[in-house]
């Protein structure tokens, strides 16, 4: 039996978490009150247990009665990896070989929405772009984690549309923080898929479609920095804790790389899909109309 997928959602005006099954959504937060959110479930190491036990419960809500939130509420850290696929590195046309270490930046939880919620294009810029990525969620914390042990620290997988305001990425000399953190410009979800081992992530196909048109596609087997290396490197300088989110990089094909660039506009629908994880789908609205 395939374990259920675990989501954070709102139903009946209340924030909850539960399992998304073929029968509907099971409200696990009502059954496991010792864990207020999925972050505490992850910290307790109980994610796979709940996913399996959920199969024995009747659904509490139909699928169309819930609004998805980002799966891990209030994560301590959201760390994103830049330039992690070979073709993406070549896009920069700077003549440089693949980097020795990962490029990293931080995003704030407020910059993301859940599956099905619209991405919001701010009035400051029309240059809203998409970046489909695979997310790893830390289950077991640690510092200076060895590459050989790194995968044992993963609790779950998810998806991200790491939406970016392109001209604000170059608003200053040294950083990308501004363009990566406009409120509600990216998304994470729809749910968490419990991590089962290296075979689950070794060769995932990752695709991004805009209005049904394939824009990005690559495989995790081609990543410059593996999941093991990413965890090892990040944990060198910061202590990872349960619930931390690591967004692992996007393939070539973002809108900025078209000639001329093709930015997202209100009404567009973006789908990020990966083997064994699912599809993260969001539309676009202007902030003034949201």
Protein backbone atom coordinates (compact mmCIF):
# COMPACT_ATOMS: atom_id res chain seq x y z
CA UNK A 1 0.00 0.00 0.00
CA UNK A 2 1.35 3.44 -0.95
CA UNK A 3 1.41 5.80 2.03
CA UNK A 4 -0.79 8.88 1.84
CA UNK A 5 0.50 12.34 1.05
CA UNK A 6 0.44 14.77 3.96
CA UNK A 7 -0.75 18.34 3.55
CA UNK A 8 -1.41 21.48 5.55
CA UNK A 9 -4.77 22.96 4.60
CA UNK A 10 -7.66 25.16 5.66
CA UNK A 11 -11.19 23.74 5.84
CA UNK A 12 -14.23 25.09 7.62
CA UNK A 13 -12.31 28.25 8.44
CA UNK A 14 -9.69 26.36 10.46
CA UNK A 15 -6.06 25.53 9.73
CA UNK A 16 -5.48 21.76 9.79
CA UNK A 17 -3.17 19.04 8.53
CA UNK A 18 -4.01 15.68 7.13
CA UNK A 19 -3.64 13.03 4.47
CA UNK A 20 -4.70 13.39 0.87
CA UNK A 21 -6.01 10.02 -0.28
CA UNK A 22 -8.04 8.68 -3.16
CA UNK A 23 -11.11 8.97 -0.93
CA UNK A 24 -10.62 12.63 0.03
CA UNK A 25 -8.76 14.41 2.81
CA UNK A 26 -8.35 12.85 6.25
CA UNK A 27 -8.09 15.38 9.10
CA UNK A 28 -5.16 14.03 11.09
CA UNK A 29 -4.83 17.16 13.21
CA UNK A 30 -8.14 16.20 14.87
CA UNK A 31 -6.85 12.69 15.60
CA UNK A 32 -3.29 13.49 16.73
CA UNK A 33 -3.71 16.57 18.87
CA UNK A 34 -0.30 16.04 20.52
CA UNK A 35 1.19 17.50 17.32
CA UNK A 36 -0.33 20.91 16.51
CA UNK A 37 1.15 21.09 12.97
CA UNK A 38 3.12 19.00 10.51
CA UNK A 39 6.27 20.68 11.76
CA UNK A 40 5.83 18.94 15.13
CA UNK A 41 4.98 15.67 13.36
CA UNK A 42 8.26 15.92 11.46
CA UNK A 43 10.19 16.74 14.63
CA UNK A 44 8.70 13.66 16.32
CA UNK A 45 9.78 11.47 13.40
CA UNK A 46 6.16 10.44 12.89
CA UNK A 47 5.53 11.51 9.32
CA UNK A 48 5.65 8.07 7.72
CA UNK A 49 3.65 6.57 10.57
CA UNK A 50 0.81 9.04 10.08
CA UNK A 51 0.89 8.61 6.32
CA UNK A 52 0.46 4.87 6.73
CA UNK A 53 -2.16 5.03 9.49
CA UNK A 54 -4.23 7.53 7.51
CA UNK A 55 -5.13 4.78 5.05
CA UNK A 56 -7.33 3.24 7.76
CA UNK A 57 -9.42 6.37 8.34
CA UNK A 58 -12.45 7.64 6.45
CA UNK A 59 -12.07 10.95 4.64
CA UNK A 60 -13.35 14.01 6.50
CA UNK A 61 -13.43 16.41 3.54
CA UNK A 62 -13.83 16.07 -0.21
CA UNK A 63 -10.82 17.24 -2.19
CA UNK A 64 -12.61 20.37 -3.41
CA UNK A 65 -13.45 21.49 0.14
CA UNK A 66 -9.89 22.29 1.23
CA UNK A 67 -7.49 25.14 0.50
CA UNK A 68 -3.85 24.10 0.54
CA UNK A 69 -1.22 26.00 2.51
CA UNK A 70 2.54 25.53 2.30
CA UNK A 71 3.10 22.07 3.82
CA UNK A 72 5.41 23.06 6.71
CA UNK A 73 4.02 26.07 8.59
CA UNK A 74 6.54 28.61 9.90
CA UNK A 75 9.74 26.74 8.95
CA UNK A 76 12.82 28.10 10.65
CA UNK A 77 14.71 28.22 7.36
CA UNK A 78 13.94 28.14 3.65
CA UNK A 79 17.26 27.82 1.82
CA UNK A 80 17.34 27.83 -1.98
CA UNK A 81 20.05 26.50 -4.30
CA UNK A 82 20.83 28.41 -7.49
CA UNK A 83 22.37 27.09 -10.73
CA UNK A 84 22.18 23.36 -10.00
CA UNK A 85 21.65 21.88 -13.48
CA UNK A 86 24.35 21.90 -16.21
CA UNK A 87 22.23 23.65 -18.85
CA UNK A 88 21.24 26.28 -16.31
CA UNK A 89 24.93 27.04 -15.68
CA UNK A 90 25.50 27.42 -19.43
CA UNK A 91 22.67 29.97 -19.62
CA UNK A 92 24.89 32.50 -17.91
CA UNK A 93 27.32 32.49 -20.89
CA UNK A 94 30.17 33.62 -18.66
CA UNK A 95 32.59 30.92 -19.82
CA UNK A 96 32.84 29.52 -16.33
CA UNK A 97 32.69 25.82 -15.53
CA UNK A 98 30.19 24.47 -13.05
CA UNK A 99 30.76 26.06 -9.63
CA UNK A 100 32.71 24.25 -6.92
CA UNK A 101 30.11 24.94 -4.22
CA UNK A 102 26.36 25.61 -4.32
CA UNK A 103 25.06 29.16 -4.70
CA UNK A 104 22.57 29.76 -1.90
CA UNK A 105 20.00 32.35 -0.88
CA UNK A 106 17.22 32.63 1.68
CA UNK A 107 13.47 33.03 1.17
CA UNK A 108 10.86 33.97 3.74
CA UNK A 109 7.73 31.85 4.30
CA UNK A 110 5.53 34.83 3.45
CA UNK A 111 6.89 34.79 -0.11
CA UNK A 112 5.13 31.46 -0.77
CA UNK A 113 1.53 30.32 -1.17
CA UNK A 114 0.11 26.81 -1.29
CA UNK A 115 -1.08 24.66 -4.17
CA UNK A 116 -4.05 26.16 -5.98
CA UNK A 117 -3.59 29.68 -4.62
CA UNK A 118 -2.65 32.39 -7.13
CA UNK A 119 0.85 33.80 -7.40
CA UNK A 120 0.67 37.57 -7.01
CA UNK A 121 2.43 39.88 -9.46
CA UNK A 122 3.37 43.07 -7.60
CA UNK A 123 2.84 46.56 -9.05
CA UNK A 124 6.57 47.30 -8.81
CA UNK A 125 7.46 45.06 -11.77
CA UNK A 126 5.86 42.96 -14.55
CA UNK A 127 8.84 40.58 -14.56
CA UNK A 128 7.32 37.67 -12.60
CA UNK A 129 9.07 34.46 -13.63
CA UNK A 130 8.73 30.76 -12.76
CA UNK A 131 11.27 28.19 -11.57
CA UNK A 132 10.15 24.62 -10.99
CA UNK A 133 12.13 22.82 -8.29
CA UNK A 134 12.17 19.80 -6.00
CA UNK A 135 12.01 20.44 -2.26
CA UNK A 136 13.61 18.37 0.49
CA UNK A 137 12.33 18.78 4.04
CA UNK A 138 14.70 18.08 6.91
CA UNK A 139 13.49 15.52 9.43
CA UNK A 140 16.53 15.00 11.62
CA UNK A 141 18.56 18.05 12.52
CA UNK A 142 22.31 18.32 12.64
CA UNK A 143 25.48 20.29 12.05
CA UNK A 144 28.37 19.32 9.75
CA UNK A 145 26.41 16.34 8.43
CA UNK A 146 28.57 13.94 6.44
CA UNK A 147 27.54 13.25 2.85
CA UNK A 148 27.35 9.55 3.67
CA UNK A 149 24.71 10.26 6.35
CA UNK A 150 22.90 13.13 4.65
CA UNK A 151 19.90 11.31 3.21
CA UNK A 152 18.97 9.95 6.62
CA UNK A 153 18.21 13.56 7.60
CA UNK A 154 15.43 13.94 4.97
CA UNK A 155 11.83 13.54 6.14
CA UNK A 156 9.92 14.29 2.95
CA UNK A 157 9.84 15.65 -0.58
CA UNK A 158 7.68 18.37 -2.07
CA UNK A 159 7.64 20.80 -5.02
CA UNK A 160 8.30 24.50 -5.42
CA UNK A 161 7.60 27.17 -8.00
CA UNK A 162 10.37 29.51 -6.93
CA UNK A 163 8.74 32.58 -8.46
CA UNK A 164 11.10 35.49 -9.01
CA UNK A 165 10.82 39.20 -9.82
CA UNK A 166 13.73 39.27 -12.28
CA UNK A 167 14.68 42.93 -12.40
CA UNK A 168 14.68 43.08 -8.59
CA UNK A 169 17.19 40.22 -8.48
CA UNK A 170 19.68 42.74 -9.89
CA UNK A 171 18.44 45.71 -7.85
CA UNK A 172 21.68 45.89 -5.88
CA UNK A 173 25.28 44.88 -6.43
CA UNK A 174 25.73 41.64 -4.52
CA UNK A 175 22.44 39.95 -3.68
CA UNK A 176 19.22 38.43 -5.03
CA UNK A 177 17.20 38.73 -1.82
CA UNK A 178 14.78 41.41 -3.00
CA UNK A 179 13.70 39.70 -6.20
CA UNK A 180 13.21 36.39 -4.42
CA UNK A 181 11.03 37.58 -1.55
CA UNK A 182 8.07 39.58 -2.78
CA UNK A 183 5.00 38.40 -0.87
CA UNK A 184 3.13 35.47 -2.47
CA UNK A 185 5.28 35.26 -5.61
CA UNK A 186 6.18 31.56 -5.20
CA UNK A 187 4.50 28.36 -4.12
CA UNK A 188 5.33 25.14 -2.26
CA UNK A 189 3.27 21.95 -2.22
CA UNK A 190 0.83 20.45 -2.75
CA UNK A 191 1.89 18.08 0.02
CA UNK A 192 4.73 16.16 1.63
CA UNK A 193 5.66 12.74 0.29
CA UNK A 194 7.50 10.79 3.03
CA UNK A 195 11.09 10.02 2.07
CA UNK A 196 11.88 6.34 1.67
CA UNK A 197 15.46 6.24 0.40
CA UNK A 198 17.95 7.18 -2.28
CA UNK A 199 16.15 5.36 -5.11
CA UNK A 200 13.23 7.74 -4.60
CA UNK A 201 15.33 10.79 -5.57
CA UNK A 202 18.14 9.38 -7.71
CA UNK A 203 16.60 10.08 -11.12
CA UNK A 204 13.41 12.14 -10.80
CA UNK A 205 12.06 13.84 -13.93
CA UNK A 206 11.20 17.47 -13.09
CA UNK A 207 9.01 19.45 -15.49
CA UNK A 208 7.42 22.90 -15.59
CA UNK A 209 4.52 23.82 -17.88
CA UNK A 210 2.97 27.24 -18.47
CA UNK A 211 -0.56 27.11 -19.91
CA UNK A 212 0.14 23.51 -20.90
CA UNK A 213 3.37 24.32 -22.77
CA UNK A 214 6.48 22.48 -21.54
CA UNK A 215 9.06 25.10 -20.53
CA UNK A 216 11.48 23.24 -18.24
CA UNK A 217 12.50 19.59 -17.96
CA UNK A 218 15.51 17.80 -16.51
CA UNK A 219 16.42 14.92 -14.21
CA UNK A 220 17.88 14.91 -10.71
CA UNK A 221 20.58 12.50 -11.86
CA UNK A 222 22.06 15.47 -13.77
CA UNK A 223 22.16 17.89 -10.83
CA UNK A 224 25.55 19.52 -10.28
CA UNK A 225 25.16 19.19 -6.52
CA UNK A 226 23.42 16.06 -5.20
CA UNK A 227 20.97 16.05 -2.33
CA UNK A 228 23.76 14.58 -0.20
CA UNK A 229 26.17 17.38 -1.09
CA UNK A 230 23.58 20.13 -0.55
CA UNK A 231 22.78 18.92 2.98
CA UNK A 232 26.44 18.45 3.81
CA UNK A 233 27.40 21.91 2.58
CA UNK A 234 24.54 23.85 4.19
CA UNK A 235 24.98 22.10 7.53
CA UNK A 236 28.62 23.19 7.59
CA UNK A 237 27.68 26.78 8.40
CA UNK A 238 24.20 26.45 9.96
CA UNK A 239 22.47 23.90 12.14
CA UNK A 240 19.64 22.25 10.23
CA UNK A 241 16.50 21.57 12.26
CA UNK A 242 13.36 19.49 11.62
CA UNK A 243 11.03 21.26 9.22
CA UNK A 244 13.74 23.24 7.42
CA UNK A 245 13.02 23.48 3.70
CA UNK A 246 15.72 23.21 1.03
CA UNK A 247 14.75 24.16 -2.53
CA UNK A 248 17.24 22.33 -4.73
CA UNK A 249 17.53 24.25 -8.02
CA UNK A 250 15.72 24.73 -11.33
CA UNK A 251 16.44 23.48 -14.87
CA UNK A 252 16.97 25.73 -17.87
CA UNK A 253 13.95 27.30 -19.55
CA UNK A 254 12.69 30.08 -17.27
CA UNK A 255 10.92 32.97 -18.95
CA UNK A 256 13.92 35.29 -18.56
CA UNK A 257 15.90 33.13 -21.01
CA UNK A 258 13.54 33.63 -23.94
CA UNK A 259 14.36 36.30 -26.55
CA UNK A 260 12.49 38.45 -25.84
CA UNK A 261 11.75 37.34 -22.26
CA UNK A 262 8.31 35.89 -21.56
CA UNK A 263 6.97 36.98 -18.17
CA UNK A 264 4.02 35.49 -16.32
CA UNK A 265 0.80 37.48 -16.59
CA UNK A 266 -2.61 37.34 -14.92
CA UNK A 267 -4.54 34.26 -15.99
CA UNK A 268 -1.47 32.11 -16.67
CA UNK A 269 -1.38 28.66 -15.07
CA UNK A 270 1.94 27.12 -14.02
CA UNK A 271 2.34 23.43 -13.25
CA UNK A 272 5.44 21.93 -11.67
CA UNK A 273 5.52 18.13 -11.80
CA UNK A 274 7.94 15.46 -10.58
CA UNK A 275 7.92 11.68 -10.58
CA UNK A 276 6.44 10.24 -7.41
CA UNK A 277 5.63 13.64 -5.90
CA UNK A 278 2.75 15.07 -7.91
CA UNK A 279 1.78 18.35 -9.57
CA UNK A 280 1.96 21.82 -8.00
CA UNK A 281 -0.45 24.12 -9.81
CA UNK A 282 -0.94 27.88 -9.47
CA UNK A 283 -2.48 30.70 -11.48
CA UNK A 284 -1.38 34.35 -11.56
CA UNK A 285 -3.15 37.53 -10.49
CA UNK A 286 -2.10 41.15 -10.13
CA UNK A 287 -1.74 42.39 -6.58
CA UNK A 288 -4.31 45.12 -7.10
CA UNK A 289 -6.88 42.53 -8.11
CA UNK A 290 -6.05 39.90 -5.51
